[in-house]
Protein backbone atom coordinates (compact mmCIF):
# COMPACT_ATOMS: atom_id res chain seq x y z
CA MET A 1 -53.90 184.81 133.73
CA SER A 2 -51.97 185.23 130.18
CA PHE A 3 -48.47 186.97 130.30
CA ARG A 4 -46.13 188.71 127.78
CA THR A 5 -44.07 186.03 126.30
CA VAL A 6 -40.20 186.85 125.38
CA ALA A 7 -38.67 185.00 122.46
CA SER A 8 -35.19 183.69 122.78
CA THR A 9 -33.18 180.90 121.07
CA ARG A 10 -29.92 179.11 121.42
CA ASP A 11 -28.19 181.52 118.79
CA ASP A 12 -30.05 184.79 120.67
CA PRO A 13 -30.69 183.83 123.72
CA LEU A 14 -32.81 185.21 127.13
CA ARG A 15 -30.80 187.84 128.98
CA VAL A 16 -30.95 187.13 132.33
CA VAL A 17 -29.87 189.26 135.66
CA VAL A 18 -29.48 186.87 138.51
CA ALA A 19 -30.36 188.95 142.17
CA GLY A 20 -28.94 187.85 145.31
CA ALA A 21 -24.80 186.49 145.65
CA GLY A 22 -25.41 184.03 148.32
CA ASN A 23 -24.88 180.37 148.73
CA MET A 24 -27.90 179.97 146.76
CA GLY A 25 -27.27 182.75 144.54
CA ARG A 26 -24.58 180.81 143.68
CA ALA A 27 -26.03 177.58 142.52
CA TRP A 28 -28.54 179.49 140.72
CA LEU A 29 -25.35 181.19 138.84
CA ALA A 30 -23.72 177.80 138.02
CA THR A 31 -26.67 177.31 136.56
CA VAL A 32 -27.85 179.97 134.47
CA THR A 33 -24.10 180.45 133.41
CA THR A 34 -24.65 176.70 131.53
CA ALA A 35 -28.23 176.85 130.69
CA PRO A 36 -28.21 176.67 126.74
CA GLY A 37 -30.35 179.29 125.77
CA VAL A 38 -29.62 181.59 128.62
CA ASP A 39 -27.29 184.71 129.06
CA LEU A 40 -26.19 185.98 132.25
CA VAL A 41 -25.49 189.64 131.70
CA GLY A 42 -25.51 190.62 135.81
CA ILE A 43 -25.82 190.15 139.29
CA ALA A 44 -27.01 192.03 141.37
CA ASP A 45 -26.52 191.98 145.77
CA LEU A 46 -26.46 194.56 147.97
CA ASN A 47 -22.99 193.70 148.88
CA LEU A 48 -21.12 194.15 145.95
CA THR A 49 -18.25 192.84 146.51
CA ALA A 50 -20.12 189.20 147.55
CA ALA A 51 -21.15 190.11 143.70
CA ARG A 52 -18.08 190.49 142.15
CA GLU A 53 -16.48 187.54 144.45
CA ALA A 54 -19.37 184.81 142.69
CA ALA A 55 -19.10 186.15 139.47
CA ALA A 56 -15.42 185.28 139.60
CA ALA A 57 -16.59 181.79 140.97
CA VAL A 58 -18.47 181.10 137.37
CA GLY A 59 -15.27 182.48 135.78
CA ARG A 60 -17.08 185.68 134.56
CA PRO A 61 -14.71 188.42 136.54
CA ASP A 62 -15.70 191.64 134.15
CA LEU A 63 -19.67 191.07 134.33
CA PRO A 64 -21.49 193.78 135.26
CA VAL A 65 -22.68 194.17 138.79
CA GLY A 66 -24.70 196.42 141.05
CA SER A 67 -26.56 196.75 144.19
CA ASP A 68 -30.10 197.35 142.51
CA ALA A 69 -31.31 194.88 140.50
CA VAL A 70 -33.57 196.58 138.51
CA ALA A 71 -31.22 199.01 137.65
CA LEU A 72 -29.48 196.55 136.35
CA ALA A 73 -31.36 195.04 134.51
CA GLY A 74 -31.70 198.06 132.07
CA GLN A 75 -28.16 198.76 131.87
CA THR A 76 -27.36 195.35 130.54
CA GLY A 77 -30.75 195.09 128.94
CA ALA A 78 -31.53 192.44 130.56
CA GLN A 79 -34.83 190.56 129.79
CA ALA A 80 -35.72 188.90 132.90
CA LEU A 81 -34.75 188.18 136.16
CA VAL A 82 -34.23 185.30 138.59
CA ASN A 83 -34.50 186.35 142.46
CA VAL A 84 -32.07 184.32 145.17
CA THR A 85 -32.32 187.36 147.80
CA ILE A 86 -33.89 186.44 151.03
CA PRO A 87 -37.30 185.68 151.80
CA GLU A 88 -37.95 189.33 153.03
CA ALA A 89 -36.48 190.86 150.12
CA HIS A 90 -38.70 188.72 147.56
CA HIS A 91 -41.96 190.79 147.48
CA PRO A 92 -39.87 194.74 147.24
CA VAL A 93 -37.40 193.24 144.13
CA THR A 94 -40.19 190.91 142.48
CA THR A 95 -42.45 193.92 143.11
CA ALA A 96 -40.46 195.79 141.06
CA ALA A 97 -38.86 194.15 138.35
CA LEU A 98 -42.38 193.04 137.34
CA LEU A 99 -43.48 196.87 137.63
CA ALA A 100 -40.37 197.02 135.17
CA GLY A 101 -41.41 194.88 132.76
CA LEU A 102 -39.31 191.55 133.65
CA PRO A 103 -40.73 188.42 133.97
CA VAL A 104 -39.23 187.24 136.87
CA LEU A 105 -37.90 183.21 138.06
CA GLY A 106 -38.18 183.64 142.19
CA GLU A 107 -36.29 180.82 144.63
CA LYS A 108 -39.34 179.86 147.14
CA PRO A 109 -41.02 180.83 149.28
CA VAL A 110 -43.03 183.04 147.02
CA ALA A 111 -42.89 185.83 149.66
CA GLU A 112 -41.91 185.72 153.76
CA THR A 113 -46.07 185.82 154.36
CA MET A 114 -48.80 184.76 152.79
CA SER A 115 -50.70 188.90 152.23
CA ARG A 116 -47.97 189.72 150.46
CA ALA A 117 -47.34 187.02 148.55
CA LEU A 118 -51.12 187.81 147.68
CA SER A 119 -49.54 191.25 146.72
CA LEU A 120 -47.73 189.66 144.39
CA VAL A 121 -50.04 187.83 142.59
CA ALA A 122 -52.22 191.41 141.88
CA ALA A 123 -48.61 192.48 140.65
CA ALA A 124 -48.87 190.15 138.10
CA GLU A 125 -52.19 190.38 137.01
CA VAL A 126 -51.55 194.31 137.17
CA THR A 127 -48.33 194.15 134.62
CA GLY A 128 -48.80 190.80 132.76
CA GLU A 129 -45.61 189.86 133.60
CA LEU A 130 -44.44 186.06 134.25
CA PHE A 131 -44.40 185.06 138.03
CA MET A 132 -43.43 181.74 138.61
CA VAL A 133 -42.11 180.08 141.74
CA SER A 134 -39.00 177.68 141.36
CA GLN A 135 -39.94 174.67 143.78
CA SER A 136 -37.24 172.06 142.89
CA ARG A 137 -38.81 169.18 144.27
CA ARG A 138 -41.18 169.14 141.75
CA TRP A 139 -38.60 168.88 139.60
CA ASN A 140 -37.47 165.39 140.70
CA PRO A 141 -37.92 162.34 138.37
CA GLN A 142 -39.36 160.55 141.22
CA LEU A 143 -41.87 162.20 142.42
CA SER A 144 -43.25 162.54 138.93
CA THR A 145 -43.66 158.61 138.59
CA LEU A 146 -45.38 158.69 142.74
CA ARG A 147 -47.67 161.00 140.89
CA ALA A 148 -48.59 158.66 138.21
CA MET A 149 -48.62 155.68 140.68
CA THR A 150 -51.22 158.02 142.97
CA ALA A 151 -53.07 158.61 140.10
CA ARG A 152 -53.59 155.02 139.55
CA LEU A 153 -54.66 154.15 142.89
CA GLY A 154 -58.04 155.35 142.69
CA ALA A 155 -59.49 157.12 145.57
CA ILE A 156 -56.44 158.28 147.97
CA GLY A 157 -57.33 157.86 151.94
CA THR A 158 -53.91 159.09 153.19
CA ILE A 159 -50.78 159.98 151.77
CA THR A 160 -47.55 160.56 155.23
CA THR A 161 -44.00 162.19 154.76
CA GLU A 162 -41.74 161.05 157.59
CA PHE A 163 -38.93 163.52 157.51
CA PHE A 164 -36.28 163.23 160.38
CA ARG A 165 -32.33 164.65 160.12
CA ALA A 166 -30.15 166.80 162.19
CA PRO A 167 -28.58 169.80 160.43
CA ARG A 168 -26.46 172.37 161.81
CA PHE A 169 -27.17 175.47 160.24
CA GLY A 170 -26.26 178.37 162.64
CA GLY A 171 -27.07 181.55 161.24
CA PHE A 172 -30.79 182.76 161.20
CA ARG A 173 -32.63 179.03 160.94
CA ASP A 174 -31.53 178.39 164.53
CA GLN A 175 -33.32 181.67 165.88
CA MET A 176 -36.29 180.97 163.77
CA ALA A 177 -39.95 180.27 165.99
CA TYR A 178 -40.86 177.78 164.16
CA PRO A 179 -37.50 176.40 161.45
CA LEU A 180 -38.96 173.53 160.22
CA LEU A 181 -42.08 174.39 159.56
CA ILE A 182 -41.13 177.71 158.06
CA ASP A 183 -37.72 177.37 156.27
CA MET A 184 -38.31 173.22 155.35
CA ALA A 185 -41.53 172.07 155.49
CA ILE A 186 -42.92 173.77 152.39
CA HIS A 187 -40.96 171.22 150.21
CA ALA A 188 -43.07 168.44 151.39
CA PHE A 189 -46.58 170.46 151.05
CA ASP A 190 -46.04 171.62 148.00
CA SER A 191 -45.29 168.03 146.92
CA ALA A 192 -48.65 166.78 148.63
CA ARG A 193 -50.00 169.44 146.38
CA PHE A 194 -48.78 167.82 142.91
CA LEU A 195 -49.14 164.25 143.82
CA LEU A 196 -53.30 164.93 144.79
CA GLN A 197 -53.60 168.14 142.18
CA ALA A 198 -55.29 169.73 144.99
CA ASP A 199 -56.12 172.02 147.85
CA PRO A 200 -55.91 172.12 151.34
CA VAL A 201 -59.06 172.84 153.28
CA SER A 202 -57.92 172.17 156.86
CA ALA A 203 -55.03 172.33 159.17
CA TYR A 204 -54.09 170.63 162.49
CA CYS A 205 -50.31 171.01 163.60
CA GLN A 206 -48.39 170.34 167.21
CA SER A 207 -45.21 171.54 167.01
CA TYR A 208 -42.41 171.08 170.19
CA ASN A 209 -38.75 171.23 170.59
CA PRO A 210 -36.81 168.50 172.39
CA SER A 211 -34.86 168.87 175.30
CA TRP A 212 -31.24 168.26 173.38
CA SER A 213 -32.75 170.74 170.70
CA TRP A 214 -30.00 173.51 169.38
CA TYR A 215 -32.65 175.42 167.37
CA ALA A 216 -34.29 178.61 169.46
CA GLY A 217 -37.90 177.60 168.29
CA ASP A 218 -39.51 174.33 167.63
CA ALA A 219 -37.54 171.53 165.80
CA ASN A 220 -40.63 169.24 165.38
CA ALA A 221 -43.45 169.50 163.90
CA ILE A 222 -46.55 166.90 163.12
CA ALA A 223 -49.48 168.62 161.01
CA VAL A 224 -52.09 166.97 159.07
CA PHE A 225 -54.18 168.55 156.58
CA GLU A 226 -57.54 167.41 155.09
CA MET A 227 -57.03 168.12 151.45
CA GLU A 228 -60.68 169.32 148.77
CA THR A 229 -60.81 165.91 148.04
CA GLY A 230 -61.02 164.49 151.26
CA THR A 231 -57.55 162.82 151.75
CA ARG A 232 -55.88 163.24 154.78
CA TYR A 233 -52.25 163.97 154.57
CA ILE A 234 -50.06 164.11 157.22
CA PHE A 235 -46.26 165.50 157.74
CA ASN A 236 -44.06 163.72 160.78
CA GLY A 237 -41.02 166.18 160.82
CA SER A 238 -37.59 166.82 163.01
CA TRP A 239 -34.47 168.81 162.48
CA CYS A 240 -32.90 167.78 165.28
CA SER A 241 -33.57 163.73 165.29
CA PRO A 242 -29.79 162.57 164.83
CA GLY A 243 -28.93 158.89 163.08
CA ALA A 244 -31.50 156.90 160.79
CA ASP A 245 -31.52 160.16 158.82
CA THR A 246 -34.33 160.43 156.21
CA SER A 247 -33.82 161.86 152.61
CA TRP A 248 -33.83 165.46 152.36
CA ASN A 249 -37.23 164.45 150.23
CA GLY A 250 -38.34 162.88 153.16
CA ALA A 251 -40.19 159.28 152.78
CA TRP A 252 -43.84 159.00 151.62
CA ARG A 253 -46.47 156.49 151.45
CA VAL A 254 -49.57 156.85 149.29
CA SER A 255 -52.24 154.54 150.69
CA GLY A 256 -55.59 154.95 148.23
CA GLU A 257 -58.73 152.36 147.28
CA LYS A 258 -56.43 149.99 144.79
CA GLY A 259 -53.21 149.90 147.03
CA THR A 260 -50.14 151.74 148.25
CA ALA A 261 -47.08 153.52 146.74
CA LEU A 262 -44.08 153.73 148.78
CA TRP A 263 -40.79 156.10 148.54
CA ASN A 264 -37.82 156.66 150.38
CA GLY A 265 -37.10 159.37 148.63
CA ASP A 266 -34.28 158.50 147.20
CA ASP A 267 -34.65 155.70 144.95
CA GLU A 268 -37.68 154.73 142.81
CA PRO A 269 -40.78 154.97 143.89
CA VAL A 270 -42.23 151.11 144.65
CA LEU A 271 -46.31 150.43 143.86
CA HIS A 272 -47.73 147.52 145.99
CA ALA A 273 -50.81 147.30 143.67
CA GLU A 274 -52.79 145.05 141.16
CA VAL A 275 -52.56 147.50 138.63
CA ASP A 276 -51.55 148.92 135.19
CA LEU A 277 -48.94 151.32 135.42
CA ALA A 278 -47.19 152.14 132.03
CA VAL A 279 -44.01 153.60 132.73
CA PRO A 280 -44.22 157.23 132.49
CA ALA A 281 -41.51 158.59 130.63
CA ARG A 282 -38.25 160.52 131.75
CA SER A 283 -39.00 164.39 132.21
CA PRO A 284 -35.79 166.21 129.88
CA TYR A 285 -36.23 168.82 133.35
CA SER A 286 -33.85 168.39 136.35
CA GLY A 287 -33.22 170.61 139.82
CA ILE A 288 -33.28 174.37 139.30
CA GLY A 289 -32.05 173.36 135.91
CA GLY A 290 -35.29 171.97 135.17
CA ALA A 291 -37.18 175.12 136.60
CA LEU A 292 -35.00 177.52 134.62
CA GLN A 293 -35.71 175.95 131.31
CA VAL A 294 -39.62 175.78 132.03
CA PHE A 295 -39.54 179.64 132.87
CA VAL A 296 -37.35 179.78 129.93
CA GLU A 297 -39.44 177.54 127.45
CA ALA A 298 -42.60 179.48 129.12
CA LEU A 299 -41.72 182.65 128.01
CA GLN A 300 -41.20 181.54 124.63
CA THR A 301 -45.03 179.82 124.20
CA GLY A 302 -47.36 181.95 126.65
CA GLU A 303 -48.36 178.28 128.53
CA ARG A 304 -48.79 178.43 132.35
CA PRO A 305 -45.90 176.82 133.99
CA SER A 306 -45.82 174.96 137.19
CA GLY A 307 -45.27 176.90 139.12
CA GLU A 308 -46.79 180.07 137.98
CA VAL A 309 -47.14 182.43 141.26
CA HIS A 310 -51.24 181.79 141.25
CA GLU A 311 -50.74 178.26 141.67
CA ASN A 312 -47.54 178.02 143.82
CA VAL A 313 -49.53 180.75 146.79
CA MET A 314 -51.30 177.86 148.47
CA SER A 315 -48.15 176.20 149.50
CA LEU A 316 -47.58 178.87 151.27
CA ALA A 317 -50.62 178.92 152.56
CA MET A 318 -50.78 175.61 153.87
CA VAL A 319 -47.14 176.82 156.23
CA GLU A 320 -48.70 180.00 157.66
CA ALA A 321 -51.94 177.74 158.50
CA ALA A 322 -49.62 175.07 159.97
CA VAL A 323 -47.83 177.53 162.07
CA GLN A 324 -51.15 179.43 163.15
CA SER A 325 -52.21 176.14 164.63
CA ALA A 326 -49.31 175.45 165.97
CA ALA A 327 -49.50 178.95 168.08
CA THR A 328 -52.87 178.56 169.01
CA GLY A 329 -53.43 174.14 169.55
CA ARG A 330 -56.35 174.89 167.01
CA PRO A 331 -57.57 173.88 164.09
CA VAL A 332 -57.36 176.43 161.45
CA ARG A 333 -59.35 176.40 158.12
CA LEU A 334 -57.52 177.89 155.21
CA ASP A 335 -59.67 179.86 153.64
CA GLN A 336 -59.34 181.72 156.85
CA VAL A 337 -55.80 182.15 156.34
CA LEU A 338 -56.34 183.84 153.08
CA GLU A 339 -59.36 186.28 153.85
CA ARG A 340 -56.54 187.55 156.97
CA ALA A 341 -54.18 187.49 154.36
CA HIS A 342 -56.39 189.16 151.68
CA ALA A 343 -56.96 191.80 154.37
CA GLN A 344 -53.69 192.48 155.50
CA ALA A 345 -52.54 192.87 151.72
CA VAL A 346 -55.65 195.62 150.91
CA ARG A 347 -54.23 197.57 154.13
CA ASP A 348 -50.55 197.76 153.41
CA GLU A 349 -50.54 197.80 149.64
CA ALA A 350 -49.32 201.23 148.41
CA ARG A 351 -49.70 201.24 144.95
CA ALA A 352 -53.43 201.68 144.09
CA ASP A 353 -53.31 199.86 140.88
CA VAL A 354 -52.35 196.77 142.76
CA ARG A 355 -54.47 197.20 145.60
CA ALA A 356 -57.41 197.65 142.84
CA VAL A 357 -56.49 194.04 141.91
CA LEU A 358 -56.63 192.94 145.43
CA GLU A 359 -59.89 194.52 146.58
CA SER A 360 -61.32 192.89 143.29
CA TRP A 361 -61.41 189.68 144.72
CA SER A 362 -64.42 188.42 146.39
CA SER A 363 -62.70 185.35 147.02
CA VAL A 364 -59.09 184.41 147.18
CA ARG A 365 -59.30 181.07 146.14
CA GLU A 366 -60.76 181.89 143.48
CA ALA A 367 -58.53 184.08 142.36
CA LEU A 368 -55.99 181.69 142.70
CA ALA A 369 -57.82 179.24 140.99
CA MET A 370 -56.90 178.87 136.96
CA THR A 371 -59.61 177.63 134.57
CA THR A 372 -56.08 175.82 133.08
CA SER A 373 -53.70 173.42 134.67
CA PRO A 374 -50.09 174.04 134.42
CA ALA A 375 -48.47 173.51 131.31
CA SER A 376 -45.66 171.81 132.62
CA GLY A 377 -47.45 170.24 135.04
CA ALA A 378 -48.28 166.87 133.82
CA ALA A 379 -44.67 166.39 132.83
CA VAL A 380 -42.85 167.85 136.22
CA GLY A 381 -40.47 165.88 136.46
CA ALA A 382 -36.54 165.14 136.11
CA GLY A 383 -34.34 166.27 139.54
CA PRO A 384 -31.32 164.09 140.40
CA ALA A 385 -32.37 161.38 142.83
CA GLY A 386 -29.68 162.24 145.38
CA ALA A 387 -29.34 165.27 147.32
CA PRO A 388 -31.94 168.45 146.37
CA ASP A 389 -30.81 171.73 145.71
CA GLY A 390 -31.15 173.11 149.33
CA PRO A 391 -33.53 173.73 151.94
């Protein structure tokens, strides 16, 4: 899919409104404020007091604020929107922005459900505007190195991720039915797709809650995905496992026909194989700042970025498939998840033009597939090696 380009330079920066003034919104505001080639022109939040406080926190107390992101963009002459609202607001805010002629860089997940995610794919096609989802783990230099190692190991039999931590967030996460799967596992699932450059075909997941858990829903999960390459990806995690924490990025093992690669999530990965591996060049991208930089460059060049909505949606599909499997106790085919979400998206769609695009898809998987790889995919890479940008 092609999208409209937007010219910008350091002297004539891309004018951006940020929607969302919560904790993650403030992280994005700090990033946008200091990013070269970007000009923060407004902050939108339903809580105007929070928006004003966020503006003051980045040293811009006179920055325009508003409760409607699209209206604020019109008032300030913004050329793009960074959507850092809560997941339930991702669909309405992003849809309104795209229809108003604003490209969007959005926080994960793309939407709160697969059906709404597919609606956003169709809206991007209708409008011809770029919608890119920021999956911050893709902008990690060590993950990029692990991907280079994975490519040298021949056929990959198994990739595993272990994730064990015990965060006490309070608030909405404590009440979620599947807090680990829904709020955190998407990072690992997306990273597995990135490493293999392949999508899943089936999922089997068991979730459970230890007796000492402070979460209302299942804080532990073990999921096995069959990928289209034949590789099995295995995720084993807990959000109530005190002691000996893994990295926020998890601990990884890639087992292939020519050897094994290990990554503890914080340090450089280690290759255990008799294969030649040129050290990959360090990527210029870093964390959410890297995502913003790639977004701006994509708007300048028209090249499809890593995280463009068509490419991103299958990571959310993995989450939905794992949850469905955990709830039913049975394996789930990813195409079934896609078909059910597609049918729901068509039923729920309020706009005739977006519905027409959805109805034109004979296969969701084919509709999501693109003929060219993301332009930034080959060079993904350079987040800080320490703590990630957030859950």
